[in-house]
PDB file of N, CA and C in Angstrom:
ATOM      1  N   MET A   1     -37.399  16.730  38.853  1.00  0.00           N
ATOM      2  CA  MET A   1     -36.509  15.707  39.371  1.00  0.00           C
ATOM      3  C   MET A   1     -37.283  14.400  39.515  1.00  0.00           C
ATOM      4  N   SER A   2     -36.661  13.292  39.145  1.00  0.00           N
ATOM      5  CA  SER A   2     -37.290  11.978  39.235  1.00  0.00           C
ATOM      6  C   SER A   2     -37.398  11.525  40.689  1.00  0.00           C
ATOM      7  N   ASP A   3     -38.427  10.722  40.954  1.00  0.00           N
ATOM      8  CA  ASP A   3     -38.582  10.130  42.276  1.00  0.00           C
ATOM      9  C   ASP A   3     -37.599   8.989  42.496  1.00  0.00           C
ATOM     10  N   PHE A   4     -36.923   8.530  41.430  1.00  0.00           N
ATOM     11  CA  PHE A   4     -36.008   7.401  41.508  1.00  0.00           C
ATOM     12  C   PHE A   4     -34.572   7.847  41.273  1.00  0.00           C
ATOM     13  N   ILE A   5     -33.643   7.147  41.933  1.00  0.00           N
ATOM     14  CA  ILE A   5     -32.211   7.419  41.804  1.00  0.00           C
ATOM     15  C   ILE A   5     -31.537   6.128  41.343  1.00  0.00           C
ATOM     16  N   THR A   6     -30.672   6.226  40.351  1.00  0.00           N
ATOM     17  CA  THR A   6     -29.885   5.070  39.924  1.00  0.00           C
ATOM     18  C   THR A   6     -28.803   4.822  40.965  1.00  0.00           C
ATOM     19  N   VAL A   7     -28.793   3.606  41.521  1.00  0.00           N
ATOM     20  CA  VAL A   7     -27.831   3.270  42.578  1.00  0.00           C
ATOM     21  C   VAL A   7     -26.789   2.253  42.127  1.00  0.00           C
ATOM     22  N   ALA A   8     -27.085   1.542  41.034  1.00  0.00           N
ATOM     23  CA  ALA A   8     -26.164   0.528  40.517  1.00  0.00           C
ATOM     24  C   ALA A   8     -26.659   0.121  39.136  1.00  0.00           C
ATOM     25  N   HIS A   9     -25.905  -0.752  38.515  1.00  0.00           N
ATOM     26  CA  HIS A   9     -26.286  -1.304  37.204  1.00  0.00           C
ATOM     27  C   HIS A   9     -26.367  -2.821  37.313  1.00  0.00           C
ATOM     28  N   VAL A  10     -27.185  -3.416  36.470  1.00  0.00           N
ATOM     29  CA  VAL A  10     -27.290  -4.864  36.432  1.00  0.00           C
ATOM     30  C   VAL A  10     -25.874  -5.427  36.251  1.00  0.00           C
ATOM     31  N   GLY A  11     -25.532  -6.386  37.068  1.00  0.00           N
ATOM     32  CA  GLY A  11     -24.194  -6.982  37.041  1.00  0.00           C
ATOM     33  C   GLY A  11     -23.287  -6.440  38.128  1.00  0.00           C
ATOM     34  N   ASP A  12     -23.621  -5.284  38.711  1.00  0.00           N
ATOM     35  CA  ASP A  12     -22.796  -4.709  39.782  1.00  0.00           C
ATOM     36  C   ASP A  12     -22.935  -5.455  41.106  1.00  0.00           C
ATOM     37  N   ILE A  13     -24.117  -6.005  41.359  1.00  0.00           N
ATOM     38  CA  ILE A  13     -24.382  -6.682  42.631  1.00  0.00           C
ATOM     39  C   ILE A  13     -24.523  -8.168  42.338  1.00  0.00           C
ATOM     40  N   PRO A  14     -23.583  -8.988  42.783  1.00  0.00           N
ATOM     41  CA  PRO A  14     -23.654 -10.429  42.512  1.00  0.00           C
ATOM     42  C   PRO A  14     -24.905 -11.059  43.137  1.00  0.00           C
ATOM     43  N   GLU A  15     -25.394 -12.096  42.494  1.00  0.00           N
ATOM     44  CA  GLU A  15     -26.532 -12.864  43.008  1.00  0.00           C
ATOM     45  C   GLU A  15     -26.251 -13.307  44.440  1.00  0.00           C
ATOM     46  N   GLY A  16     -27.258 -13.110  45.309  1.00  0.00           N
ATOM     47  CA  GLY A  16     -27.135 -13.544  46.703  1.00  0.00           C
ATOM     48  C   GLY A  16     -26.339 -12.610  47.590  1.00  0.00           C
ATOM     49  N   GLN A  17     -26.077 -11.392  47.107  1.00  0.00           N
ATOM     50  CA  GLN A  17     -25.308 -10.430  47.900  1.00  0.00           C
ATOM     51  C   GLN A  17     -25.995  -9.075  47.952  1.00  0.00           C
ATOM     52  N   GLY A  18     -25.473  -8.221  48.816  1.00  0.00           N
ATOM     53  CA  GLY A  18     -25.966  -6.862  48.951  1.00  0.00           C
ATOM     54  C   GLY A  18     -24.852  -5.867  48.744  1.00  0.00           C
ATOM     55  N   ARG A  19     -25.254  -4.619  48.632  1.00  0.00           N
ATOM     56  CA  ARG A  19     -24.278  -3.539  48.425  1.00  0.00           C
ATOM     57  C   ARG A  19     -24.813  -2.261  49.068  1.00  0.00           C
ATOM     58  N   ALA A  20     -23.932  -1.515  49.712  1.00  0.00           N
ATOM     59  CA  ALA A  20     -24.306  -0.231  50.284  1.00  0.00           C
ATOM     60  C   ALA A  20     -24.357   0.819  49.187  1.00  0.00           C
ATOM     61  N   CYS A  21     -25.425   1.621  49.183  1.00  0.00           N
ATOM     62  CA  CYS A  21     -25.612   2.687  48.205  1.00  0.00           C
ATOM     63  C   CYS A  21     -26.113   3.931  48.939  1.00  0.00           C
ATOM     64  N   ARG A  22     -26.131   5.049  48.245  1.00  0.00           N
ATOM     65  CA  ARG A  22     -26.678   6.291  48.801  1.00  0.00           C
ATOM     66  C   ARG A  22     -27.870   6.707  47.964  1.00  0.00           C
ATOM     67  N   CYS A  23     -28.916   7.107  48.631  1.00  0.00           N
ATOM     68  CA  CYS A  23     -30.097   7.702  48.006  1.00  0.00           C
ATOM     69  C   CYS A  23     -30.255   9.065  48.669  1.00  0.00           C
ATOM     70  N   GLY A  24     -29.642  10.064  48.076  1.00  0.00           N
ATOM     71  CA  GLY A  24     -29.627  11.362  48.728  1.00  0.00           C
ATOM     72  C   GLY A  24     -28.810  11.252  50.007  1.00  0.00           C
ATOM     73  N   ASP A  25     -29.440  11.608  51.130  1.00  0.00           N
ATOM     74  CA  ASP A  25     -28.761  11.568  52.433  1.00  0.00           C
ATOM     75  C   ASP A  25     -28.931  10.237  53.163  1.00  0.00           C
ATOM     76  N   VAL A  26     -29.645   9.291  52.557  1.00  0.00           N
ATOM     77  CA  VAL A  26     -29.973   8.040  53.235  1.00  0.00           C
ATOM     78  C   VAL A  26     -29.115   6.896  52.703  1.00  0.00           C
ATOM     79  N   GLY A  27     -28.547   6.106  53.624  1.00  0.00           N
ATOM     80  CA  GLY A  27     -27.839   4.902  53.239  1.00  0.00           C
ATOM     81  C   GLY A  27     -28.844   3.799  52.944  1.00  0.00           C
ATOM     82  N   VAL A  28     -28.689   3.158  51.799  1.00  0.00           N
ATOM     83  CA  VAL A  28     -29.612   2.114  51.359  1.00  0.00           C
ATOM     84  C   VAL A  28     -28.796   0.863  51.041  1.00  0.00           C
ATOM     85  N   ALA A  29     -29.302  -0.285  51.461  1.00  0.00           N
ATOM     86  CA  ALA A  29     -28.706  -1.571  51.114  1.00  0.00           C
ATOM     87  C   ALA A  29     -29.541  -2.165  49.989  1.00  0.00           C
ATOM     88  N   VAL A  30     -28.898  -2.495  48.875  1.00  0.00           N
ATOM     89  CA  VAL A  30     -29.576  -3.096  47.733  1.00  0.00           C
ATOM     90  C   VAL A  30     -29.103  -4.532  47.602  1.00  0.00           C
ATOM     91  N   PHE A  31     -30.053  -5.466  47.513  1.00  0.00           N
ATOM     92  CA  PHE A  31     -29.768  -6.896  47.462  1.00  0.00           C
ATOM     93  C   PHE A  31     -30.262  -7.492  46.155  1.00  0.00           C
ATOM     94  N   HIS A  32     -29.526  -8.481  45.655  1.00  0.00           N
ATOM     95  CA  HIS A  32     -29.880  -9.188  44.433  1.00  0.00           C
ATOM     96  C   HIS A  32     -30.130 -10.646  44.797  1.00  0.00           C
ATOM     97  N   VAL A  33     -31.393 -11.069  44.719  1.00  0.00           N
ATOM     98  CA  VAL A  33     -31.754 -12.419  45.126  1.00  0.00           C
ATOM     99  C   VAL A  33     -32.682 -13.020  44.077  1.00  0.00           C
ATOM    100  N   GLN A  34     -32.261 -14.135  43.499  1.00  0.00           N
ATOM    101  CA  GLN A  34     -33.031 -14.877  42.502  1.00  0.00           C
ATOM    102  C   GLN A  34     -33.530 -13.963  41.382  1.00  0.00           C
ATOM    103  N   GLY A  35     -32.626 -13.115  40.902  1.00  0.00           N
ATOM    104  CA  GLY A  35     -32.949 -12.234  39.785  1.00  0.00           C
ATOM    105  C   GLY A  35     -33.753 -11.009  40.137  1.00  0.00           C
ATOM    106  N   ARG A  36     -34.086 -10.823  41.399  1.00  0.00           N
ATOM    107  CA  ARG A  36     -34.880  -9.679  41.846  1.00  0.00           C
ATOM    108  C   ARG A  36     -34.017  -8.796  42.757  1.00  0.00           C
ATOM    109  N   TYR A  37     -34.312  -7.512  42.753  1.00  0.00           N
ATOM    110  CA  TYR A  37     -33.583  -6.562  43.594  1.00  0.00           C
ATOM    111  C   TYR A  37     -34.492  -6.040  44.693  1.00  0.00           C
ATOM    112  N   TYR A  38     -33.915  -5.893  45.881  1.00  0.00           N
ATOM    113  CA  TYR A  38     -34.616  -5.377  47.055  1.00  0.00           C
ATOM    114  C   TYR A  38     -33.780  -4.230  47.627  1.00  0.00           C
ATOM    115  N   ALA A  39     -34.443  -3.251  48.204  1.00  0.00           N
ATOM    116  CA  ALA A  39     -33.736  -2.146  48.844  1.00  0.00           C
ATOM    117  C   ALA A  39     -34.343  -1.889  50.221  1.00  0.00           C
ATOM    118  N   LEU A  40     -33.461  -1.757  51.201  1.00  0.00           N
ATOM    119  CA  LEU A  40     -33.851  -1.464  52.577  1.00  0.00           C
ATOM    120  C   LEU A  40     -32.933  -0.380  53.127  1.00  0.00           C
ATOM    121  N   LYS A  41     -33.417   0.344  54.110  1.00  0.00           N
ATOM    122  CA  LYS A  41     -32.527   1.282  54.802  1.00  0.00           C
ATOM    123  C   LYS A  41     -31.349   0.471  55.321  1.00  0.00           C
ATOM    124  N   ASP A  42     -30.139   0.969  55.125  1.00  0.00           N
ATOM    125  CA  ASP A  42     -28.927   0.215  55.445  1.00  0.00           C
ATOM    126  C   ASP A  42     -28.621   0.275  56.937  1.00  0.00           C
ATOM    127  N   GLU A  43     -29.557  -0.260  57.737  1.00  0.00           N
ATOM    128  CA  GLU A  43     -29.401  -0.197  59.185  1.00  0.00           C
ATOM    129  C   GLU A  43     -30.257  -1.266  59.851  1.00  0.00           C
ATOM    130  N   PHE A  44     -29.616  -2.193  60.581  1.00  0.00           N
ATOM    131  CA  PHE A  44     -30.388  -3.140  61.370  1.00  0.00           C
ATOM    132  C   PHE A  44     -31.094  -2.372  62.474  1.00  0.00           C
ATOM    133  N   PRO A  45     -32.374  -2.634  62.703  1.00  0.00           N
ATOM    134  CA  PRO A  45     -33.125  -1.831  63.675  1.00  0.00           C
ATOM    135  C   PRO A  45     -32.738  -2.055  65.130  1.00  0.00           C
ATOM    136  N   HIS A  46     -32.084  -3.167  65.461  1.00  0.00           N
ATOM    137  CA  HIS A  46     -31.796  -3.438  66.869  1.00  0.00           C
ATOM    138  C   HIS A  46     -30.465  -2.871  67.341  1.00  0.00           C
ATOM    139  N   MET A  47     -29.472  -2.729  66.464  1.00  0.00           N
ATOM    140  CA  MET A  47     -28.171  -2.212  66.891  1.00  0.00           C
ATOM    141  C   MET A  47     -27.552  -1.254  65.880  1.00  0.00           C
ATOM    142  N   CYS A  48     -28.295  -0.924  64.839  1.00  0.00           N
ATOM    143  CA  CYS A  48     -27.889   0.072  63.838  1.00  0.00           C
ATOM    144  C   CYS A  48     -26.636  -0.308  63.040  1.00  0.00           C
ATOM    145  N   SER A  49     -26.264  -1.575  62.994  1.00  0.00           N
ATOM    146  CA  SER A  49     -25.153  -1.966  62.141  1.00  0.00           C
ATOM    147  C   SER A  49     -25.638  -2.041  60.687  1.00  0.00           C
ATOM    148  N   PRO A  50     -24.752  -1.926  59.707  1.00  0.00           N
ATOM    149  CA  PRO A  50     -25.166  -1.883  58.309  1.00  0.00           C
ATOM    150  C   PRO A  50     -25.742  -3.203  57.812  1.00  0.00           C
ATOM    151  N   LEU A  51     -26.934  -3.146  57.242  1.00  0.00           N
ATOM    152  CA  LEU A  51     -27.549  -4.326  56.621  1.00  0.00           C
ATOM    153  C   LEU A  51     -26.715  -4.848  55.467  1.00  0.00           C
ATOM    154  N   SER A  52     -26.074  -3.946  54.748  1.00  0.00           N
ATOM    155  CA  SER A  52     -25.319  -4.337  53.555  1.00  0.00           C
ATOM    156  C   SER A  52     -24.170  -5.287  53.881  1.00  0.00           C
ATOM    157  N   LEU A  53     -23.758  -5.379  55.142  1.00  0.00           N
ATOM    158  CA  LEU A  53     -22.699  -6.302  55.553  1.00  0.00           C
ATOM    159  C   LEU A  53     -23.231  -7.677  55.941  1.00  0.00           C
ATOM    160  N   GLY A  54     -24.562  -7.817  55.959  1.00  0.00           N
ATOM    161  CA  GLY A  54     -25.169  -9.081  56.375  1.00  0.00           C
ATOM    162  C   GLY A  54     -25.070 -10.158  55.317  1.00  0.00           C
ATOM    163  N   ILE A  55     -25.451 -11.358  55.712  1.00  0.00           N
ATOM    164  CA  ILE A  55     -25.453 -12.532  54.851  1.00  0.00           C
ATOM    165  C   ILE A  55     -26.869 -12.749  54.342  1.00  0.00           C
ATOM    166  N   VAL A  56     -27.025 -12.936  53.038  1.00  0.00           N
ATOM    167  CA  VAL A  56     -28.330 -13.171  52.440  1.00  0.00           C
ATOM    168  C   VAL A  56     -28.607 -14.668  52.435  1.00  0.00           C
ATOM    169  N   GLU A  57     -29.786 -15.020  52.968  1.00  0.00           N
ATOM    170  CA  GLU A  57     -30.157 -16.425  53.044  1.00  0.00           C
ATOM    171  C   GLU A  57     -31.674 -16.562  53.091  1.00  0.00           C
ATOM    172  N   GLN A  58     -32.244 -17.326  52.181  1.00  0.00           N
ATOM    173  CA  GLN A  58     -33.673 -17.652  52.155  1.00  0.00           C
ATOM    174  C   GLN A  58     -34.564 -16.418  52.271  1.00  0.00           C
ATOM    175  N   GLY A  59     -34.288 -15.404  51.485  1.00  0.00           N
ATOM    176  CA  GLY A  59     -35.131 -14.212  51.453  1.00  0.00           C
ATOM    177  C   GLY A  59     -34.949 -13.262  52.614  1.00  0.00           C
ATOM    178  N   ASN A  60     -33.886 -13.481  53.381  1.00  0.00           N
ATOM    179  CA  ASN A  60     -33.588 -12.622  54.533  1.00  0.00           C
ATOM    180  C   ASN A  60     -32.147 -12.149  54.454  1.00  0.00           C
ATOM    181  N   VAL A  61     -31.863 -11.083  55.198  1.00  0.00           N
ATOM    182  CA  VAL A  61     -30.481 -10.686  55.412  1.00  0.00           C
ATOM    183  C   VAL A  61     -30.220 -10.873  56.904  1.00  0.00           C
ATOM    184  N   ILE A  62     -29.107 -11.539  57.211  1.00  0.00           N
ATOM    185  CA  ILE A  62     -28.782 -11.903  58.585  1.00  0.00           C
ATOM    186  C   ILE A  62     -27.701 -10.964  59.105  1.00  0.00           C
ATOM    187  N   CYS A  63     -27.972 -10.361  60.258  1.00  0.00           N
ATOM    188  CA  CYS A  63     -27.034  -9.445  60.900  1.00  0.00           C
ATOM    189  C   CYS A  63     -25.707 -10.141  61.153  1.00  0.00           C
ATOM    190  N   ASP A  64     -24.627  -9.522  60.719  1.00  0.00           N
ATOM    191  CA  ASP A  64     -23.304 -10.127  60.906  1.00  0.00           C
ATOM    192  C   ASP A  64     -22.829 -10.055  62.357  1.00  0.00           C
ATOM    193  N   ARG A  65     -23.511  -9.290  63.195  1.00  0.00           N
ATOM    194  CA  ARG A  65     -23.111  -9.165  64.597  1.00  0.00           C
ATOM    195  C   ARG A  65     -23.936 -10.040  65.528  1.00  0.00           C
ATOM    196  N   HIS A  66     -25.264 -10.098  65.297  1.00  0.00           N
ATOM    197  CA  HIS A  66     -26.139 -10.763  66.264  1.00  0.00           C
ATOM    198  C   HIS A  66     -27.002 -11.870  65.668  1.00  0.00           C
ATOM    199  N   LEU A  67     -26.881 -12.100  64.355  1.00  0.00           N
ATOM    200  CA  LEU A  67     -27.571 -13.192  63.665  1.00  0.00           C
ATOM    201  C   LEU A  67     -29.091 -13.059  63.652  1.00  0.00           C
ATOM    202  N   TRP A  68     -29.599 -11.860  63.783  1.00  0.00           N
ATOM    203  CA  TRP A  68     -31.038 -11.641  63.617  1.00  0.00           C
ATOM    204  C   TRP A  68     -31.334 -11.511  62.127  1.00  0.00           C
ATOM    205  N   ASP A  69     -32.535 -11.951  61.720  1.00  0.00           N
ATOM    206  CA  ASP A  69     -32.949 -11.927  60.316  1.00  0.00           C
ATOM    207  C   ASP A  69     -33.895 -10.761  60.021  1.00  0.00           C
ATOM    208  N   ILE A  70     -33.677 -10.125  58.883  1.00  0.00           N
ATOM    209  CA  ILE A  70     -34.581  -9.094  58.369  1.00  0.00           C
ATOM    210  C   ILE A  70     -35.084  -9.586  57.017  1.00  0.00           C
ATOM    211  N   ARG A  71     -36.408  -9.639  56.842  1.00  0.00           N
ATOM    212  CA  ARG A  71     -36.981 -10.054  55.561  1.00  0.00           C
ATOM    213  C   ARG A  71     -36.721  -9.000  54.509  1.00  0.00           C
ATOM    214  N   LEU A  72     -36.192  -9.410  53.364  1.00  0.00           N
ATOM    215  CA  LEU A  72     -35.911  -8.477  52.280  1.00  0.00           C
ATOM    216  C   LEU A  72     -37.193  -7.876  51.710  1.00  0.00           C
ATOM    217  N   GLU A  73     -38.261  -8.639  51.719  1.00  0.00           N
ATOM    218  CA  GLU A  73     -39.530  -8.212  51.128  1.00  0.00           C
ATOM    219  C   GLU A  73     -40.123  -6.983  51.826  1.00  0.00           C
ATOM    220  N   ASP A  74     -40.056  -6.951  53.162  1.00  0.00           N
ATOM    221  CA  ASP A  74     -40.752  -5.879  53.888  1.00  0.00           C
ATOM    222  C   ASP A  74     -39.955  -5.243  55.030  1.00  0.00           C
ATOM    223  N   GLY A  75     -38.733  -5.720  55.289  1.00  0.00           N
ATOM    224  CA  GLY A  75     -37.895  -5.113  56.311  1.00  0.00           C
ATOM    225  C   GLY A  75     -38.210  -5.512  57.742  1.00  0.00           C
ATOM    226  N   VAL A  76     -39.095  -6.503  57.955  1.00  0.00           N
ATOM    227  CA  VAL A  76     -39.486  -6.920  59.296  1.00  0.00           C
ATOM    228  C   VAL A  76     -38.471  -7.905  59.868  1.00  0.00           C
ATOM    229  N   CYS A  77     -38.161  -7.734  61.148  1.00  0.00           N
ATOM    230  CA  CYS A  77     -37.238  -8.619  61.858  1.00  0.00           C
ATOM    231  C   CYS A  77     -37.975  -9.880  62.297  1.00  0.00           C
ATOM    232  N   ARG A  78     -37.434 -11.037  61.949  1.00  0.00           N
ATOM    233  CA  ARG A  78     -38.089 -12.310  62.282  1.00  0.00           C
ATOM    234  C   ARG A  78     -38.128 -12.553  63.792  1.00  0.00           C
ATOM    235  N   GLU A  79     -37.076 -12.186  64.491  1.00  0.00           N
ATOM    236  CA  GLU A  79     -36.992 -12.447  65.928  1.00  0.00           C
ATOM    237  C   GLU A  79     -37.845 -11.503  66.766  1.00  0.00           C
ATOM    238  N   ALA A  80     -38.134 -10.342  66.248  1.00  0.00           N
ATOM    239  CA  ALA A  80     -38.931  -9.357  66.991  1.00  0.00           C
ATOM    240  C   ALA A  80     -39.705  -8.526  65.958  1.00  0.00           C
ATOM    241  N   SER A  81     -40.907  -8.969  65.613  1.00  0.00           N
ATOM    242  CA  SER A  81     -41.647  -8.379  64.497  1.00  0.00           C
ATOM    243  C   SER A  81     -41.967  -6.888  64.687  1.00  0.00           C
ATOM    244  N   ARG A  82     -41.862  -6.378  65.885  1.00  0.00           N
ATOM    245  CA  ARG A  82     -42.088  -4.942  66.094  1.00  0.00           C
ATOM    246  C   ARG A  82     -40.902  -4.120  65.571  1.00  0.00           C
ATOM    247  N   LEU A  83     -39.763  -4.784  65.357  1.00  0.00           N
ATOM    248  CA  LEU A  83     -38.587  -4.117  64.812  1.00  0.00           C
ATOM    249  C   LEU A  83     -38.579  -4.291  63.297  1.00  0.00           C
ATOM    250  N   ARG A  84     -38.306  -3.200  62.613  1.00  0.00           N
ATOM    251  CA  ARG A  84     -38.242  -3.272  61.154  1.00  0.00           C
ATOM    252  C   ARG A  84     -37.366  -2.151  60.637  1.00  0.00           C
ATOM    253  N   THR A  85     -36.915  -2.322  59.423  1.00  0.00           N
ATOM    254  CA  THR A  85     -36.194  -1.270  58.737  1.00  0.00           C
ATOM    255  C   THR A  85     -36.994  -0.906  57.502  1.00  0.00           C
ATOM    256  N   GLU A  86     -36.817   0.276  57.018  1.00  0.00           N
ATOM    257  CA  GLU A  86     -37.632   0.806  55.933  1.00  0.00           C
ATOM    258  C   GLU A  86     -37.308   0.142  54.597  1.00  0.00           C
ATOM    259  N   PRO A  87     -38.335  -0.452  53.926  1.00  0.00           N
ATOM    260  CA  PRO A  87     -38.120  -0.970  52.579  1.00  0.00           C
ATOM    261  C   PRO A  87     -38.333   0.148  51.554  1.00  0.00           C
ATOM    262  N   TYR A  88     -37.658   0.069  50.429  1.00  0.00           N
ATOM    263  CA  TYR A  88     -37.795   1.068  49.373  1.00  0.00           C
ATOM    264  C   TYR A  88     -38.124   0.374  48.060  1.00  0.00           C
ATOM    265  N   GLU A  89     -38.933   1.016  47.267  1.00  0.00           N
ATOM    266  CA  GLU A  89     -39.306   0.488  45.962  1.00  0.00           C
ATOM    267  C   GLU A  89     -38.096   0.477  45.034  1.00  0.00           C
ATOM    268  N   VAL A  90     -37.970  -0.618  44.280  1.00  0.00           N
ATOM    269  CA  VAL A  90     -36.868  -0.768  43.319  1.00  0.00           C
ATOM    270  C   VAL A  90     -37.474  -1.007  41.942  1.00  0.00           C
ATOM    271  N   ARG A  91     -36.837  -0.433  40.926  1.00  0.00           N
ATOM    272  CA  ARG A  91     -37.237  -0.723  39.547  1.00  0.00           C
ATOM    273  C   ARG A  91     -35.990  -0.823  38.693  1.00  0.00           C
ATOM    274  N   LEU A  92     -36.132  -1.535  37.563  1.00  0.00           N
ATOM    275  CA  LEU A  92     -35.068  -1.626  36.570  1.00  0.00           C
ATOM    276  C   LEU A  92     -35.481  -0.788  35.369  1.00  0.00           C
ATOM    277  N   VAL A  93     -34.561   0.060  34.922  1.00  0.00           N
ATOM    278  CA  VAL A  93     -34.762   0.846  33.708  1.00  0.00           C
ATOM    279  C   VAL A  93     -33.543   0.557  32.830  1.00  0.00           C
ATOM    280  N   GLY A  94     -33.754  -0.254  31.801  1.00  0.00           N
ATOM    281  CA  GLY A  94     -32.615  -0.719  31.019  1.00  0.00           C
ATOM    282  C   GLY A  94     -31.720  -1.534  31.923  1.00  0.00           C
ATOM    283  N   ASP A  95     -30.445  -1.144  32.043  1.00  0.00           N
ATOM    284  CA  ASP A  95     -29.537  -1.859  32.958  1.00  0.00           C
ATOM    285  C   ASP A  95     -29.335  -1.108  34.271  1.00  0.00           C
ATOM    286  N   GLU A  96     -30.129  -0.074  34.509  1.00  0.00           N
ATOM    287  CA  GLU A  96     -30.015   0.713  35.737  1.00  0.00           C
ATOM    288  C   GLU A  96     -30.924   0.158  36.834  1.00  0.00           C
ATOM    289  N   ILE A  97     -30.353  -0.024  38.019  1.00  0.00           N
ATOM    290  CA  ILE A  97     -31.123  -0.393  39.207  1.00  0.00           C
ATOM    291  C   ILE A  97     -31.450   0.917  39.907  1.00  0.00           C
ATOM    292  N   GLN A  98     -32.737   1.212  39.999  1.00  0.00           N
ATOM    293  CA  GLN A  98     -33.157   2.478  40.576  1.00  0.00           C
ATOM    294  C   GLN A  98     -33.986   2.246  41.824  1.00  0.00           C
ATOM    295  N   VAL A  99     -33.777   3.108  42.820  1.00  0.00           N
ATOM    296  CA  VAL A  99     -34.501   3.063  44.079  1.00  0.00           C
ATOM    297  C   VAL A  99     -35.290   4.358  44.206  1.00  0.00           C
ATOM    298  N   ARG A 100     -36.561   4.210  44.624  1.00  0.00           N
ATOM    299  CA  ARG A 100     -37.372   5.415  44.866  1.00  0.00           C
ATOM    300  C   ARG A 100     -36.742   6.190  46.012  1.00  0.00           C
ATOM    301  N   ARG A 101     -36.537   7.468  45.792  1.00  0.00           N
ATOM    302  CA  ARG A 101     -35.929   8.323  46.815  1.00  0.00           C
ATOM    303  C   ARG A 101     -36.718   8.204  48.121  1.00  0.00           C
ATOM    304  N   PRO A 102     -36.028   8.012  49.231  1.00  0.00           N
ATOM    305  CA  PRO A 102     -36.716   7.867  50.519  1.00  0.00           C
ATOM    306  C   PRO A 102     -37.692   9.001  50.815  1.00  0.00           C
ATOM    307  N   ASP A 103     -37.386  10.219  50.410  1.00  0.00           N
ATOM    308  CA  ASP A 103     -38.292  11.337  50.700  1.00  0.00           C
ATOM    309  C   ASP A 103     -39.525  11.327  49.791  1.00  0.00           C
ATOM    310  N   CYS A 104     -39.593  10.412  48.826  1.00  0.00           N
ATOM    311  CA  CYS A 104     -40.751  10.292  47.925  1.00  0.00           C
ATOM    312  C   CYS A 104     -41.583   9.050  48.242  1.00  0.00           C
ATOM    313  N   GLN A 105     -41.198   8.245  49.211  1.00  0.00           N
ATOM    314  CA  GLN A 105     -41.895   7.001  49.499  1.00  0.00           C
ATOM    315  C   GLN A 105     -43.362   7.229  49.877  1.00  0.00           C
ATOM    316  N   ALA A 106     -43.630   8.185  50.722  1.00  0.00           N
ATOM    317  CA  ALA A 106     -45.012   8.439  51.159  1.00  0.00           C
ATOM    318  C   ALA A 106     -45.884   8.907  49.997  1.00  0.00           C
ATOM    319  N   ASP A 107     -45.290   9.583  49.022  1.00  0.00           N
ATOM    320  CA  ASP A 107     -46.042  10.091  47.890  1.00  0.00           C
ATOM    321  C   ASP A 107     -46.586   8.976  46.999  1.00  0.00           C
ATOM    322  N   SER A 108     -45.961   7.797  47.044  1.00  0.00           N
ATOM    323  CA  SER A 108     -46.363   6.715  46.143  1.00  0.00           C
ATOM    324  C   SER A 108     -47.490   5.880  46.705  1.00  0.00           C
ATOM    325  N   ALA A 109     -47.823   6.056  47.961  1.00  0.00           N
ATOM    326  CA  ALA A 109     -48.878   5.244  48.598  1.00  0.00           C
ATOM    327  C   ALA A 109     -50.257   5.672  48.160  1.00  0.00           C
TER     328      ALA A 109
END
């Protein structure tokens, strides 16, 4: 079994937006920003609302409930750096957007 799961295809996620996806049992938010894709656990760390519903702005996703920012690059909350959500590795294979399965993340380090 591959360590990566296809979650979408190029063109499925509009530039500057995110989309909720599943990676096995884990909800993942995949974002398309300036031609690059980012994947984070689909959960804001402070109130557990879905990241995929947030607004993408300047390399961050902003919570639609409380306006806190999470950096797409590493999942760290700008307002409280001790809070973070799990980032996941993303790769493109042809037109497939693939995310490393959450249960394989530690194996890649």
